[in-house]
Amino acid sequence: MKAQILKRISPIEEKPLELTDLPVPRPGTGQVLLKVSTCGLCHTELDEIEGRVQPKLPVVLGHEVVGEVVELGQEVLNLRLGDRVGVAWIHSACGKCRFCHEGKENLCPDFKATGCHEDGGYAEYMVVAEDFAYPIPGQFTDSQAAPLLCAGAVGYRALNLTGIENGKSLGLYGFGASAHIVIQIAKYRYPESPVFVFTRGEEHQELARQLGADWVGAPKDIPPQKIDFCIDFTPVGETIAIALSALEKGGRLVINAIRKRDNAVLDYATHLWHEKEIKSVANITAQDVREFLALAAEIPIVPEVQEFGLEEANEALLLLKQGMIQGAGVLRVSHRAVD
């Protein structure tokens, strides 16, 4: 099979992914083999490539995977050949520790990430446990479904972690793949909550307005009022301090990033006093994905996507780093007759 493989840590500018031939993997007990149709692009892939997150090497990246079940391992109970499913960042967890028993398998000490600890979807085929393969609602195309599996599901978790209530204000810092989905959730669930979007670039700002932002500005602009809850989607550390400065007293900032390219510099009196809070998002649970896919179909959410070929993975990730992708980037790996 064709696969983009990462063998070394380096800047994405050096185009380190290598398109190569690998054996088709075989599903183990409780696993299924997927023929990959699409795989979304994520900033976490940049973190892996550039060493901020340490993947196992060599590795096939990609954790926003949509594909068709083409082979069943032993003891697979709920999936059938031909099912269309998605795979998210969570590839597996132990199922035995207290975190798993509490539905917090994202905190499991044996958590394995798709495309980081186990091979992911930058390939024509991949294997995954059926417990972490999710049926895709029928109204989404494969390309539309891919960003729902990480950008959407993690954004959904981040929004829930804010604790927002209808009528309270929400600030979104950065407006890429995840934020442009989160604003659609917020407008649906909290229709009386004003949403303030902080992003660079006229195209990103215009998309925010089209999706219902009540105010749009650059990251360092001063919003028309203090904000009750903020989510930081950006890859840079300075946004943490900027968002905390915009928070109302008693407000909460949720950081929707596994890693930052650099550290935040905070002053307690300026940024944290008056009972302000910072909360991180640590991956996602299987329940997050299931709940979000159902909600996305109900709203419905239609992600803005830009497609690239599997052979263009290096170039597409460089565009992602440069903030040049509108909405979400998706690798087209293969075509299905019904897609």
Protein backbone atom coordinates (compact mmCIF):
# COMPACT_ATOMS: atom_id res chain seq x y z
CA MET A 1 0.00 0.00 0.00
CA LYS A 2 1.03 3.64 -0.46
CA ALA A 3 1.74 5.53 2.76
CA GLN A 4 3.36 8.75 3.88
CA ILE A 5 5.86 7.77 6.56
CA LEU A 6 7.76 9.94 9.04
CA LYS A 7 11.22 8.61 9.85
CA ARG A 8 12.88 11.64 11.45
CA ILE A 9 12.05 14.82 13.35
CA SER A 10 12.59 17.97 11.31
CA PRO A 11 10.92 21.24 10.30
CA ILE A 12 8.03 20.69 7.90
CA GLU A 13 9.84 23.04 5.50
CA GLU A 14 12.28 20.17 4.86
CA LYS A 15 9.38 17.97 3.63
CA PRO A 16 10.27 14.98 5.85
CA LEU A 17 7.30 12.76 4.95
CA GLU A 18 8.24 10.03 2.47
CA LEU A 19 5.67 8.45 0.14
CA THR A 20 6.54 4.77 0.14
CA ASP A 21 5.14 1.24 -0.18
CA LEU A 22 4.33 -0.66 3.02
CA PRO A 23 2.68 -4.03 3.63
CA VAL A 24 -1.07 -3.90 4.23
CA PRO A 25 -1.57 -4.43 7.99
CA ARG A 26 -3.70 -7.31 9.30
CA PRO A 27 -6.38 -6.79 11.95
CA GLY A 28 -5.87 -8.47 15.31
CA THR A 29 -8.49 -9.67 17.78
CA GLY A 30 -11.22 -7.04 18.16
CA GLN A 31 -9.79 -4.97 15.32
CA VAL A 32 -10.89 -4.10 11.78
CA LEU A 33 -8.96 -3.22 8.65
CA LEU A 34 -10.03 0.02 6.97
CA LYS A 35 -9.53 1.10 3.39
CA VAL A 36 -8.84 4.79 3.98
CA SER A 37 -10.81 7.28 1.94
CA THR A 38 -9.84 10.59 3.56
CA CYS A 39 -7.68 11.83 6.41
CA GLY A 40 -7.80 15.32 7.86
CA LEU A 41 -4.78 17.50 8.53
CA CYS A 42 -4.15 18.69 12.08
CA HIS A 43 -1.68 20.99 13.87
CA THR A 44 -0.78 18.00 16.05
CA GLU A 45 0.84 16.42 12.99
CA LEU A 46 3.11 19.47 12.83
CA ASP A 47 3.90 18.98 16.53
CA GLU A 48 4.86 15.36 15.84
CA ILE A 49 6.93 16.16 12.75
CA GLU A 50 8.78 19.00 14.46
CA GLY A 51 9.28 17.19 17.78
CA ARG A 52 6.98 19.00 20.22
CA VAL A 53 5.07 15.71 20.54
CA GLN A 54 7.29 12.63 20.38
CA PRO A 55 5.86 9.95 18.07
CA LYS A 56 7.18 6.43 17.69
CA LEU A 57 9.44 6.40 14.64
CA PRO A 58 8.94 5.45 11.93
CA VAL A 59 5.22 6.22 11.97
CA VAL A 60 2.33 6.82 9.60
CA LEU A 61 0.68 10.03 10.76
CA GLY A 62 -2.99 10.98 10.60
CA HIS A 63 -5.83 10.82 13.14
CA GLU A 64 -8.91 12.19 11.35
CA VAL A 65 -9.58 9.07 9.31
CA VAL A 66 -12.64 8.03 7.30
CA GLY A 67 -12.67 4.64 5.66
CA GLU A 68 -14.53 1.46 4.81
CA VAL A 69 -14.29 -1.76 6.81
CA VAL A 70 -12.75 -4.35 4.46
CA GLU A 71 -11.60 -7.06 6.88
CA LEU A 72 -12.73 -8.17 10.34
CA GLY A 73 -10.47 -9.54 13.04
CA GLN A 74 -11.64 -12.23 15.45
CA GLU A 75 -14.28 -11.30 18.06
CA VAL A 76 -15.50 -8.20 16.21
CA LEU A 77 -19.14 -7.92 17.26
CA ASN A 78 -20.67 -4.67 16.04
CA LEU A 79 -19.06 -3.76 12.71
CA ARG A 80 -19.64 -5.36 9.32
CA LEU A 81 -17.80 -5.42 6.01
CA GLY A 82 -18.63 -2.29 4.05
CA ASP A 83 -19.39 -0.11 7.10
CA ARG A 84 -18.16 3.48 6.82
CA VAL A 85 -16.42 4.51 10.03
CA GLY A 86 -14.15 7.21 11.39
CA VAL A 87 -11.07 7.04 13.61
CA ALA A 88 -10.05 9.86 15.94
CA TRP A 89 -6.97 10.78 18.02
CA ILE A 90 -7.73 8.09 20.60
CA HIS A 91 -6.55 4.77 19.16
CA SER A 92 -6.79 2.69 22.34
CA ALA A 93 -6.75 2.73 26.15
CA CYS A 94 -6.32 0.00 28.76
CA GLY A 95 -10.00 -0.19 29.77
CA LYS A 96 -9.00 -1.19 33.31
CA CYS A 97 -7.64 1.87 35.15
CA ARG A 98 -9.77 4.28 37.18
CA PHE A 99 -9.73 6.86 34.40
CA CYS A 100 -11.14 4.36 31.90
CA HIS A 101 -13.80 3.26 34.40
CA GLU A 102 -14.79 6.92 34.86
CA GLY A 103 -15.12 7.49 31.09
CA LYS A 104 -11.91 9.51 31.05
CA GLU A 105 -9.82 7.18 28.91
CA ASN A 106 -8.12 10.28 27.48
CA LEU A 107 -6.21 10.36 30.80
CA CYS A 108 -5.39 6.63 30.79
CA PRO A 109 -1.67 6.01 31.47
CA ASP A 110 -1.73 3.51 28.59
CA PHE A 111 -3.44 5.91 26.17
CA LYS A 112 -2.32 5.31 22.58
CA ALA A 113 -2.80 8.01 19.97
CA THR A 114 -3.65 7.34 16.33
CA GLY A 115 -0.87 8.40 14.00
CA CYS A 116 1.51 8.93 16.91
CA HIS A 117 1.88 5.76 18.97
CA GLU A 118 0.14 3.62 16.33
CA ASP A 119 0.06 4.03 12.55
CA GLY A 120 -2.68 6.29 11.28
CA GLY A 121 -4.48 7.39 8.16
CA TYR A 122 -1.84 8.88 5.85
CA ALA A 123 -2.01 5.51 4.11
CA GLU A 124 -4.30 3.43 1.95
CA TYR A 125 -5.09 1.01 4.82
CA MET A 126 -4.98 1.06 8.63
CA VAL A 127 -6.19 -1.09 11.55
CA VAL A 128 -8.14 0.05 14.61
CA ALA A 129 -10.07 -1.56 17.48
CA GLU A 130 -13.79 -1.61 16.76
CA ASP A 131 -14.42 0.19 20.08
CA PHE A 132 -12.63 3.23 18.66
CA ALA A 133 -14.19 3.17 15.18
CA TYR A 134 -17.29 5.35 14.87
CA PRO A 135 -20.12 5.11 12.32
CA ILE A 136 -20.30 8.26 10.20
CA PRO A 137 -23.73 9.92 9.75
CA GLY A 138 -24.93 9.54 6.19
CA GLN A 139 -25.30 13.22 5.30
CA PHE A 140 -21.56 13.88 5.48
CA THR A 141 -19.20 13.14 2.62
CA ASP A 142 -15.91 11.48 3.50
CA SER A 143 -14.10 14.82 3.20
CA GLN A 144 -16.65 16.64 5.36
CA ALA A 145 -16.53 13.89 7.99
CA ALA A 146 -12.73 13.85 8.41
CA PRO A 147 -12.33 17.14 10.33
CA LEU A 148 -15.29 16.27 12.55
CA LEU A 149 -13.19 13.49 14.08
CA CYS A 150 -10.58 15.75 15.66
CA ALA A 151 -11.10 19.43 14.96
CA GLY A 152 -14.79 18.97 15.68
CA ALA A 153 -14.71 16.45 18.51
CA VAL A 154 -11.86 18.14 20.41
CA GLY A 155 -13.51 21.51 19.86
CA TYR A 156 -16.73 20.05 21.27
CA ARG A 157 -14.84 18.89 24.37
CA ALA A 158 -13.17 22.29 24.73
CA LEU A 159 -16.51 24.09 24.53
CA ASN A 160 -17.99 21.77 27.17
CA LEU A 161 -14.98 22.37 29.43
CA THR A 162 -15.61 26.12 29.42
CA GLY A 163 -18.84 25.54 31.36
CA ILE A 164 -20.59 28.16 29.24
CA GLU A 165 -24.29 28.88 29.76
CA ASN A 166 -26.68 30.49 27.30
CA GLY A 167 -26.28 34.26 27.40
CA LYS A 168 -22.65 34.23 28.54
CA SER A 169 -20.07 35.52 26.07
CA LEU A 170 -17.52 33.35 24.25
CA GLY A 171 -14.19 34.32 22.71
CA LEU A 172 -12.44 32.19 20.09
CA TYR A 173 -8.73 32.83 19.48
CA GLY A 174 -7.70 31.46 16.09
CA PHE A 175 -10.22 30.45 13.43
CA GLY A 176 -9.04 27.35 11.66
CA ALA A 177 -10.38 23.82 11.41
CA SER A 178 -11.60 23.50 15.01
CA ALA A 179 -12.87 27.01 15.72
CA HIS A 180 -14.97 27.23 12.57
CA ILE A 181 -16.84 24.13 13.81
CA VAL A 182 -17.07 25.30 17.43
CA ILE A 183 -18.79 28.54 16.45
CA GLN A 184 -21.51 26.51 14.75
CA ILE A 185 -22.03 24.45 17.92
CA ALA A 186 -22.09 27.58 20.08
CA LYS A 187 -24.61 29.37 17.89
CA TYR A 188 -26.86 26.31 17.97
CA ARG A 189 -26.67 25.46 21.68
CA TYR A 190 -26.25 28.97 23.11
CA PRO A 191 -28.17 31.28 20.75
CA GLU A 192 -28.12 34.24 23.16
CA SER A 193 -24.36 34.07 23.73
CA PRO A 194 -22.31 36.63 21.77
CA VAL A 195 -19.26 35.14 20.07
CA PHE A 196 -16.09 37.19 19.57
CA VAL A 197 -13.52 35.85 17.09
CA PHE A 198 -9.85 36.85 17.10
CA THR A 199 -7.99 35.85 13.95
CA ARG A 200 -5.58 37.20 11.35
CA GLY A 201 -6.27 37.21 7.65
CA GLU A 202 -9.24 38.64 5.77
CA GLU A 203 -10.46 35.23 4.56
CA HIS A 204 -10.56 33.79 8.09
CA GLN A 205 -12.30 36.90 9.39
CA GLU A 206 -14.87 36.82 6.61
CA LEU A 207 -15.62 33.14 7.27
CA ALA A 208 -16.15 33.98 10.96
CA ARG A 209 -18.68 36.66 10.01
CA GLN A 210 -20.47 34.27 7.65
CA LEU A 211 -20.78 31.74 10.48
CA GLY A 212 -22.36 34.25 12.83
CA ALA A 213 -19.56 35.92 14.82
CA ASP A 214 -20.88 38.98 16.67
CA TRP A 215 -17.50 40.71 16.49
CA VAL A 216 -14.29 39.90 14.61
CA GLY A 217 -10.82 41.31 15.16
CA ALA A 218 -7.12 40.48 15.22
CA PRO A 219 -5.71 38.59 18.24
CA LYS A 220 -4.41 41.73 19.96
CA ASP A 221 -7.50 43.84 19.29
CA ILE A 222 -9.62 44.92 22.25
CA PRO A 223 -13.13 43.39 22.15
CA PRO A 224 -16.17 45.57 22.89
CA GLN A 225 -16.63 43.92 26.31
CA LYS A 226 -14.90 41.57 28.71
CA ILE A 227 -15.50 37.92 27.79
CA ASP A 228 -16.86 35.26 30.15
CA PHE A 229 -15.24 32.23 28.48
CA CYS A 230 -12.45 31.91 25.92
CA ILE A 231 -10.98 29.06 23.90
CA ASP A 232 -7.46 29.34 22.52
CA PHE A 233 -6.98 27.31 19.33
CA THR A 234 -3.68 28.87 18.28
CA PRO A 235 -0.29 27.10 18.21
CA VAL A 236 1.55 30.00 19.91
CA GLY A 237 2.06 30.77 23.58
CA GLU A 238 1.49 34.53 23.57
CA THR A 239 -2.23 34.08 22.90
CA ILE A 240 -2.71 32.66 26.40
CA ALA A 241 -1.77 35.98 27.99
CA ILE A 242 -3.81 37.94 25.43
CA ALA A 243 -6.92 35.85 26.08
CA LEU A 244 -6.55 36.06 29.87
CA SER A 245 -6.37 39.84 29.59
CA ALA A 246 -9.69 39.84 27.71
CA LEU A 247 -11.42 37.59 30.29
CA GLU A 248 -14.02 38.90 32.69
CA LYS A 249 -13.40 38.37 36.43
CA GLY A 250 -14.07 34.73 37.30
CA GLY A 251 -13.76 33.75 33.63
CA ARG A 252 -12.22 30.60 32.24
CA LEU A 253 -9.76 30.06 29.39
CA VAL A 254 -9.65 26.60 27.79
CA ILE A 255 -6.53 25.82 25.74
CA ASN A 256 -7.43 23.56 22.83
CA ALA A 257 -3.92 22.43 21.94
CA ILE A 258 -1.77 19.44 22.79
CA ARG A 259 1.39 21.54 22.51
CA LYS A 260 2.38 25.16 21.92
CA ARG A 261 5.32 26.21 19.77
CA ASP A 262 6.55 28.46 22.59
CA ASN A 263 5.71 29.21 26.22
CA ALA A 264 3.35 31.80 27.63
CA VAL A 265 4.74 34.55 29.83
CA LEU A 266 2.19 35.34 32.53
CA ASP A 267 2.02 37.90 35.31
CA TYR A 268 -0.17 36.78 38.19
CA ALA A 269 -1.69 40.18 38.96
CA THR A 270 -2.34 41.03 35.30
CA HIS A 271 -3.51 37.72 33.91
CA LEU A 272 -4.72 35.40 36.70
CA TRP A 273 -5.97 37.43 39.62
CA HIS A 274 -9.73 37.86 40.19
CA GLU A 275 -10.32 34.11 40.13
CA LYS A 276 -9.58 33.58 36.45
CA GLU A 277 -8.97 29.96 35.42
CA ILE A 278 -6.94 28.10 32.80
CA LYS A 279 -7.93 24.59 31.76
CA SER A 280 -6.20 22.38 29.19
CA VAL A 281 -7.77 19.85 26.84
CA ALA A 282 -6.09 16.44 27.06
CA ASN A 283 -7.10 14.51 23.95
CA ILE A 284 -10.67 13.17 23.70
CA THR A 285 -12.76 10.23 24.84
CA ALA A 286 -14.73 7.81 22.70
CA GLN A 287 -17.91 9.29 24.17
CA ASP A 288 -16.89 12.78 22.99
CA VAL A 289 -16.68 11.51 19.43
CA ARG A 290 -20.00 9.66 19.55
CA GLU A 291 -21.84 12.61 21.10
CA PHE A 292 -20.33 15.12 18.73
CA LEU A 293 -21.03 13.15 15.54
CA ALA A 294 -24.70 12.92 16.57
CA LEU A 295 -24.81 16.65 17.34
CA ALA A 296 -23.04 17.54 14.09
CA ALA A 297 -25.70 15.62 12.16
CA GLU A 298 -28.49 17.29 14.14
CA ILE A 299 -27.35 20.90 13.63
CA PRO A 300 -26.10 20.09 10.90
CA ILE A 301 -22.48 21.21 10.78
CA VAL A 302 -20.90 21.43 7.35
CA PRO A 303 -17.13 21.87 7.60
CA GLU A 304 -15.32 24.04 5.08
CA VAL A 305 -12.71 21.73 3.53
CA GLN A 306 -9.80 21.99 1.13
CA GLU A 307 -8.67 18.70 -0.44
CA PHE A 308 -5.13 17.55 -1.26
CA GLY A 309 -3.77 14.30 -2.66
CA LEU A 310 -1.88 11.89 -0.41
CA GLU A 311 1.27 12.71 -2.37
CA GLU A 312 0.83 16.39 -1.40
CA ALA A 313 0.98 15.82 2.36
CA ASN A 314 4.22 17.77 2.93
CA GLU A 315 3.01 20.76 0.94
CA ALA A 316 -0.42 20.72 2.59
CA LEU A 317 1.08 20.64 6.10
CA LEU A 318 3.32 23.57 5.24
CA LEU A 319 0.25 25.54 4.16
CA LEU A 320 -1.38 24.58 7.47
CA LYS A 321 1.63 25.90 9.39
CA GLN A 322 1.48 29.14 7.43
CA GLY A 323 -2.23 29.57 8.16
CA MET A 324 -3.06 29.37 4.47
CA ILE A 325 -5.81 26.73 4.60
CA GLN A 326 -9.39 27.98 4.74
CA GLY A 327 -11.39 25.83 7.14
CA ALA A 328 -9.92 22.31 7.31
CA GLY A 329 -7.37 20.56 5.11
CA VAL A 330 -8.11 16.98 4.06
CA LEU A 331 -5.98 14.38 2.27
CA ARG A 332 -7.87 12.43 -0.37
CA VAL A 333 -6.41 8.92 -0.17
CA SER A 334 -8.91 6.97 -2.29
CA HIS A 335 -12.38 7.34 -3.80
CA ARG A 336 -15.42 5.30 -2.87
CA ALA A 337 -18.23 4.72 -5.36
CA VAL A 338 -20.78 6.45 -3.11
CA ASP A 339 -18.61 9.37 -1.97
